[in-house]
Structures are given as structure tokens and as C-alpha cells.
Amino acid sequence: MQQGRIQRITPFLWFERNAEAAAEFYVTVFPDSRIRRLHRFSEEAARVSGKRPGEVMTVSFELEGQEFVALNGGPCFQINEAVSFVVNCRNQQEVDYYWDKLSDGGEEEAQRCGWLKDRYGVTWQVVPERLLELLDDPDPQRPERVMQALMSMKRIDIAALEQA
């Protein structure tokens, strides 16, 4: 993100207590990423929230230029599949890299059609650009065959989609 320019929309993730660990994990997965700042619970905020003074409250982090904020907000809200983040990949090597990194320690049953749930409960879609090209094929039967092949996959296999 350019210096001095505010990002208008920032994804805000609510964690029970592991916001810092999640942010640290994500910045190791994506290149050109970093933790920007930590804010800690003050005496007053800790008293109201039931947290300890000095404990991490929010973590601002950047993944390839996209800013995120993670909050240690407690157990009252849970991350779920209703919101996910798409990782657009140029080739199978990128699909494999992001799939392996993000799914490590995640929920196996949540993985289908390029979707996965990581160890922190955040849902990601690891999608090759080629999939969109195949779904836009002018032959009306090819997108149908591609979609049928996709439905049987967890990690997307570009070569198998191209053969469909």
C-alpha cells in the first residue's frame, strides 16, 4: 500500500485469543507481507473485556499489499465459512504452494473445490486463473465438464480440468 494512502476497506477478523499467532502465520505464507502494528488492552479495555492489561488486542498486518486487522475478541463470535478469501494463482506450482501452506493443520473435511479451512478457522479458496478461463470457454459443454471435474476435487488440479 502506498505511504500515506488509506485503504478504504479492511477485512477485520475476530479470533477468540490467537489473533497474533494467526497474523504471524499468514505473513509467513504470503510474500511481501508483514505485521504492521500491535495494540494491547489498556487497563480500562481489559476490565471491560475480561482480558489482561497488556495482552494483544488487535494486530494490523499486510498480505501482499492488502491490509487486515485481527482482534482477540473472545468466544462470543466465531469465524465461519460465510466469508472466505480467494488466493488467485498463476499456475499449479502456486496452487500447490498455497494449498500446502494454508491447509497445514486445518480441517480436512472442509476442503473441497479449492476451498480449505486453515488452522485458525479461516476459509480460503485457492483458485488457478486457468479455471476461470475454462469456465468461460465458448463451447457450452466444456464449462459443464470442467465444473463436474472440479466438484470431485479438493486441491484443484489444472491438468485434470483441462482434460475435462
C-alpha atoms as a PDB file:
ATOM      1  CA  MET A   1       0.000   0.000   0.000  1.00  0.00           C
ATOM      2  CA  GLN A   2       1.305   3.461  -0.847  1.00  0.00           C
ATOM      3  CA  GLN A   3       2.631   5.523   2.037  1.00  0.00           C
ATOM      4  CA  GLY A   4       0.043   7.995   3.326  1.00  0.00           C
ATOM      5  CA  ARG A   5      -2.843   6.430   1.417  1.00  0.00           C
ATOM      6  CA  ILE A   6      -5.603   4.900   3.498  1.00  0.00           C
ATOM      7  CA  GLN A   7      -7.089   1.568   2.470  1.00  0.00           C
ATOM      8  CA  ARG A   8     -10.812   2.178   2.287  1.00  0.00           C
ATOM      9  CA  ILE A   9     -11.977  -1.363   3.145  1.00  0.00           C
ATOM     10  CA  THR A  10     -10.048  -3.574   5.564  1.00  0.00           C
ATOM     11  CA  PRO A  11     -11.018  -7.156   6.388  1.00  0.00           C
ATOM     12  CA  PHE A  12     -11.399  -7.495  10.164  1.00  0.00           C
ATOM     13  CA  LEU A  13     -11.077 -10.984  11.652  1.00  0.00           C
ATOM     14  CA  TRP A  14     -12.415 -11.852  15.098  1.00  0.00           C
ATOM     15  CA  PHE A  15     -10.463 -14.517  16.991  1.00  0.00           C
ATOM     16  CA  GLU A  16     -11.082 -15.815  20.469  1.00  0.00           C
ATOM     17  CA  ARG A  17      -7.471 -15.396  21.569  1.00  0.00           C
ATOM     18  CA  ASN A  18      -4.957 -16.236  18.826  1.00  0.00           C
ATOM     19  CA  ALA A  19      -5.027 -13.167  16.564  1.00  0.00           C
ATOM     20  CA  GLU A  20      -1.289 -12.586  16.861  1.00  0.00           C
ATOM     21  CA  ALA A  21      -0.395 -16.213  16.071  1.00  0.00           C
ATOM     22  CA  ALA A  22      -2.732 -16.201  13.063  1.00  0.00           C
ATOM     23  CA  ALA A  23      -1.263 -12.957  11.697  1.00  0.00           C
ATOM     24  CA  GLU A  24       2.279 -14.263  12.200  1.00  0.00           C
ATOM     25  CA  PHE A  25       1.333 -17.434  10.307  1.00  0.00           C
ATOM     26  CA  TYR A  26      -0.233 -15.563   7.378  1.00  0.00           C
ATOM     27  CA  VAL A  27       2.772 -13.273   6.893  1.00  0.00           C
ATOM     28  CA  THR A  28       4.997 -16.365   6.542  1.00  0.00           C
ATOM     29  CA  VAL A  29       2.744 -17.788   3.811  1.00  0.00           C
ATOM     30  CA  PHE A  30       2.454 -14.752   1.543  1.00  0.00           C
ATOM     31  CA  PRO A  31       5.483 -12.913   0.123  1.00  0.00           C
ATOM     32  CA  ASP A  32       5.804  -9.174   0.676  1.00  0.00           C
ATOM     33  CA  SER A  33       3.807  -9.386   3.896  1.00  0.00           C
ATOM     34  CA  ARG A  34       4.365  -8.013   7.375  1.00  0.00           C
ATOM     35  CA  ILE A  35       2.948  -7.278  10.790  1.00  0.00           C
ATOM     36  CA  ARG A  36       2.279  -3.544  10.848  1.00  0.00           C
ATOM     37  CA  ARG A  37       1.362  -2.897  14.488  1.00  0.00           C
ATOM     38  CA  LEU A  38       0.018  -4.405  17.691  1.00  0.00           C
ATOM     39  CA  HIS A  39      -2.388  -2.709  20.046  1.00  0.00           C
ATOM     40  CA  ARG A  40      -2.662  -4.009  23.575  1.00  0.00           C
ATOM     41  CA  PHE A  41      -5.534  -3.962  26.038  1.00  0.00           C
ATOM     42  CA  SER A  42      -5.335  -0.951  28.332  1.00  0.00           C
ATOM     43  CA  GLU A  43      -6.377  -1.260  31.982  1.00  0.00           C
ATOM     44  CA  GLU A  44      -9.875   0.007  31.120  1.00  0.00           C
ATOM     45  CA  ALA A  45     -10.316  -2.117  27.972  1.00  0.00           C
ATOM     46  CA  ALA A  46      -9.050  -5.189  29.834  1.00  0.00           C
ATOM     47  CA  ARG A  47     -11.504  -4.624  32.673  1.00  0.00           C
ATOM     48  CA  VAL A  48     -14.457  -4.323  30.268  1.00  0.00           C
ATOM     49  CA  SER A  49     -13.417  -7.248  28.039  1.00  0.00           C
ATOM     50  CA  GLY A  50     -12.225  -9.668  30.669  1.00  0.00           C
ATOM     51  CA  LYS A  51      -8.738  -9.711  29.154  1.00  0.00           C
ATOM     52  CA  ARG A  52      -5.456  -8.965  30.915  1.00  0.00           C
ATOM     53  CA  PRO A  53      -3.890  -5.498  30.636  1.00  0.00           C
ATOM     54  CA  GLY A  54      -1.056  -5.601  28.109  1.00  0.00           C
ATOM     55  CA  GLU A  55      -2.459  -8.622  26.259  1.00  0.00           C
ATOM     56  CA  VAL A  56      -2.654  -8.198  22.463  1.00  0.00           C
ATOM     57  CA  MET A  57      -5.990  -6.688  21.468  1.00  0.00           C
ATOM     58  CA  THR A  58      -5.527  -6.126  17.715  1.00  0.00           C
ATOM     59  CA  VAL A  59      -2.890  -6.958  15.140  1.00  0.00           C
ATOM     60  CA  SER A  60      -2.685  -4.975  11.903  1.00  0.00           C
ATOM     61  CA  PHE A  61      -0.941  -6.935   9.181  1.00  0.00           C
ATOM     62  CA  GLU A  62      -0.448  -6.726   5.450  1.00  0.00           C
ATOM     63  CA  LEU A  63      -0.556  -9.597   2.951  1.00  0.00           C
ATOM     64  CA  GLU A  64       0.831  -8.606  -0.449  1.00  0.00           C
ATOM     65  CA  GLY A  65      -0.397  -5.043  -0.055  1.00  0.00           C
ATOM     66  CA  GLN A  66      -3.824  -5.916   1.423  1.00  0.00           C
ATOM     67  CA  GLU A  67      -4.239  -4.736   4.998  1.00  0.00           C
ATOM     68  CA  PHE A  68      -6.068  -6.896   7.563  1.00  0.00           C
ATOM     69  CA  VAL A  69      -6.848  -6.468  11.243  1.00  0.00           C
ATOM     70  CA  ALA A  70      -7.174  -9.383  13.667  1.00  0.00           C
ATOM     71  CA  LEU A  71      -8.857  -8.952  17.053  1.00  0.00           C
ATOM     72  CA  ASN A  72      -8.636 -11.075  20.187  1.00  0.00           C
ATOM     73  CA  GLY A  73     -12.315 -10.536  20.907  1.00  0.00           C
ATOM     74  CA  GLY A  74     -13.201 -13.598  22.943  1.00  0.00           C
ATOM     75  CA  PRO A  75     -15.566 -16.500  22.311  1.00  0.00           C
ATOM     76  CA  CYS A  76     -18.794 -14.629  21.572  1.00  0.00           C
ATOM     77  CA  PHE A  77     -18.314 -14.683  17.764  1.00  0.00           C
ATOM     78  CA  GLN A  78     -16.754 -17.392  15.615  1.00  0.00           C
ATOM     79  CA  ILE A  79     -15.186 -17.221  12.170  1.00  0.00           C
ATOM     80  CA  ASN A  80     -17.145 -19.355   9.696  1.00  0.00           C
ATOM     81  CA  GLU A  81     -17.334 -20.260   6.008  1.00  0.00           C
ATOM     82  CA  ALA A  82     -19.747 -17.429   5.202  1.00  0.00           C
ATOM     83  CA  VAL A  83     -16.680 -15.295   4.479  1.00  0.00           C
ATOM     84  CA  SER A  84     -13.585 -16.531   2.665  1.00  0.00           C
ATOM     85  CA  PHE A  85     -10.502 -15.138   0.979  1.00  0.00           C
ATOM     86  CA  VAL A  86      -9.592 -16.074  -2.593  1.00  0.00           C
ATOM     87  CA  VAL A  87      -5.958 -16.704  -3.488  1.00  0.00           C
ATOM     88  CA  ASN A  88      -5.641 -16.312  -7.262  1.00  0.00           C
ATOM     89  CA  CYS A  89      -2.831 -18.472  -8.645  1.00  0.00           C
ATOM     90  CA  ARG A  90      -0.999 -18.271 -11.957  1.00  0.00           C
ATOM     91  CA  ASN A  91      -0.102 -21.978 -12.196  1.00  0.00           C
ATOM     92  CA  GLN A  92      -0.182 -25.385 -10.500  1.00  0.00           C
ATOM     93  CA  GLN A  93       3.006 -24.622  -8.584  1.00  0.00           C
ATOM     94  CA  GLU A  94       1.310 -21.659  -6.885  1.00  0.00           C
ATOM     95  CA  VAL A  95      -1.869 -23.688  -6.266  1.00  0.00           C
ATOM     96  CA  ASP A  96       0.209 -26.403  -4.584  1.00  0.00           C
ATOM     97  CA  TYR A  97       2.260 -23.922  -2.534  1.00  0.00           C
ATOM     98  CA  TYR A  98      -0.724 -22.017  -1.109  1.00  0.00           C
ATOM     99  CA  TRP A  99      -2.787 -25.163  -0.627  1.00  0.00           C
ATOM    100  CA  ASP A 100       0.006 -26.890   1.314  1.00  0.00           C
ATOM    101  CA  LYS A 101       0.806 -23.857   3.471  1.00  0.00           C
ATOM    102  CA  LEU A 102      -2.734 -22.747   4.277  1.00  0.00           C
ATOM    103  CA  SER A 103      -4.199 -26.223   4.821  1.00  0.00           C
ATOM    104  CA  ASP A 104      -1.380 -27.358   7.137  1.00  0.00           C
ATOM    105  CA  GLY A 105      -3.105 -28.044  10.464  1.00  0.00           C
ATOM    106  CA  GLY A 106      -6.507 -27.097   9.046  1.00  0.00           C
ATOM    107  CA  GLU A 107      -9.758 -29.014   8.877  1.00  0.00           C
ATOM    108  CA  GLU A 108      -9.609 -31.821   6.337  1.00  0.00           C
ATOM    109  CA  GLU A 109     -13.392 -32.194   5.893  1.00  0.00           C
ATOM    110  CA  ALA A 110     -13.724 -28.516   4.942  1.00  0.00           C
ATOM    111  CA  GLN A 111     -11.571 -28.965   1.838  1.00  0.00           C
ATOM    112  CA  ARG A 112     -13.449 -29.154  -1.446  1.00  0.00           C
ATOM    113  CA  CYS A 113     -13.349 -27.436  -4.878  1.00  0.00           C
ATOM    114  CA  GLY A 114     -10.285 -25.400  -3.924  1.00  0.00           C
ATOM    115  CA  TRP A 115     -11.773 -24.340  -0.578  1.00  0.00           C
ATOM    116  CA  LEU A 116      -9.913 -25.041   2.638  1.00  0.00           C
ATOM    117  CA  LYS A 117     -10.145 -24.074   6.267  1.00  0.00           C
ATOM    118  CA  ASP A 118      -6.847 -23.209   7.926  1.00  0.00           C
ATOM    119  CA  ARG A 119      -5.718 -23.981  11.489  1.00  0.00           C
ATOM    120  CA  TYR A 120      -7.357 -20.748  12.729  1.00  0.00           C
ATOM    121  CA  GLY A 121     -10.736 -21.484  11.170  1.00  0.00           C
ATOM    122  CA  VAL A 122     -10.377 -19.000   8.287  1.00  0.00           C
ATOM    123  CA  THR A 123     -11.661 -20.247   4.918  1.00  0.00           C
ATOM    124  CA  TRP A 124      -9.595 -19.732   1.773  1.00  0.00           C
ATOM    125  CA  GLN A 125     -10.224 -20.530  -1.879  1.00  0.00           C
ATOM    126  CA  VAL A 126      -7.046 -21.435  -3.762  1.00  0.00           C
ATOM    127  CA  VAL A 127      -8.038 -20.889  -7.390  1.00  0.00           C
ATOM    128  CA  PRO A 128      -5.962 -21.031 -10.578  1.00  0.00           C
ATOM    129  CA  GLU A 129      -6.629 -18.343 -13.169  1.00  0.00           C
ATOM    130  CA  ARG A 130      -6.963 -21.179 -15.684  1.00  0.00           C
ATOM    131  CA  LEU A 131     -10.180 -22.368 -14.006  1.00  0.00           C
ATOM    132  CA  LEU A 132     -11.930 -19.111 -14.888  1.00  0.00           C
ATOM    133  CA  GLU A 133     -10.689 -19.334 -18.468  1.00  0.00           C
ATOM    134  CA  LEU A 134     -12.042 -22.886 -18.779  1.00  0.00           C
ATOM    135  CA  LEU A 135     -15.403 -21.878 -17.292  1.00  0.00           C
ATOM    136  CA  ASP A 136     -15.614 -19.094 -19.904  1.00  0.00           C
ATOM    137  CA  ASP A 137     -14.941 -21.466 -22.830  1.00  0.00           C
ATOM    138  CA  PRO A 138     -17.236 -20.695 -25.808  1.00  0.00           C
ATOM    139  CA  ASP A 139     -18.079 -24.414 -26.166  1.00  0.00           C
ATOM    140  CA  PRO A 140     -21.117 -24.606 -23.827  1.00  0.00           C
ATOM    141  CA  GLN A 141     -20.376 -28.229 -22.871  1.00  0.00           C
ATOM    142  CA  ARG A 142     -16.804 -27.652 -21.748  1.00  0.00           C
ATOM    143  CA  PRO A 143     -17.650 -25.471 -18.720  1.00  0.00           C
ATOM    144  CA  GLU A 144     -20.116 -28.145 -17.639  1.00  0.00           C
ATOM    145  CA  ARG A 145     -17.442 -30.872 -17.873  1.00  0.00           C
ATOM    146  CA  VAL A 146     -14.942 -28.650 -16.062  1.00  0.00           C
ATOM    147  CA  MET A 147     -17.426 -27.968 -13.269  1.00  0.00           C
ATOM    148  CA  GLN A 148     -18.156 -31.685 -12.935  1.00  0.00           C
ATOM    149  CA  ALA A 149     -14.413 -32.423 -12.646  1.00  0.00           C
ATOM    150  CA  LEU A 150     -13.980 -29.570 -10.156  1.00  0.00           C
ATOM    151  CA  MET A 151     -16.713 -30.938  -7.892  1.00  0.00           C
ATOM    152  CA  SER A 152     -14.681 -34.118  -7.327  1.00  0.00           C
ATOM    153  CA  MET A 153     -11.506 -32.248  -6.296  1.00  0.00           C
ATOM    154  CA  LYS A 154     -10.204 -30.909  -3.039  1.00  0.00           C
ATOM    155  CA  ARG A 155      -6.995 -29.238  -4.273  1.00  0.00           C
ATOM    156  CA  ILE A 156      -7.570 -28.027  -7.818  1.00  0.00           C
ATOM    157  CA  ASP A 157      -5.631 -29.925 -10.484  1.00  0.00           C
ATOM    158  CA  ILE A 158      -5.279 -27.726 -13.557  1.00  0.00           C
ATOM    159  CA  ALA A 159      -4.248 -30.578 -15.898  1.00  0.00           C
ATOM    160  CA  ALA A 160      -7.311 -32.625 -14.928  1.00  0.00           C
ATOM    161  CA  LEU A 161      -9.569 -29.615 -15.538  1.00  0.00           C
ATOM    162  CA  GLU A 162      -8.009 -29.066 -18.961  1.00  0.00           C
ATOM    163  CA  GLN A 163      -8.676 -32.698 -19.878  1.00  0.00           C
ATOM    164  CA  ALA A 164     -12.342 -32.433 -18.931  1.00  0.00           C
END
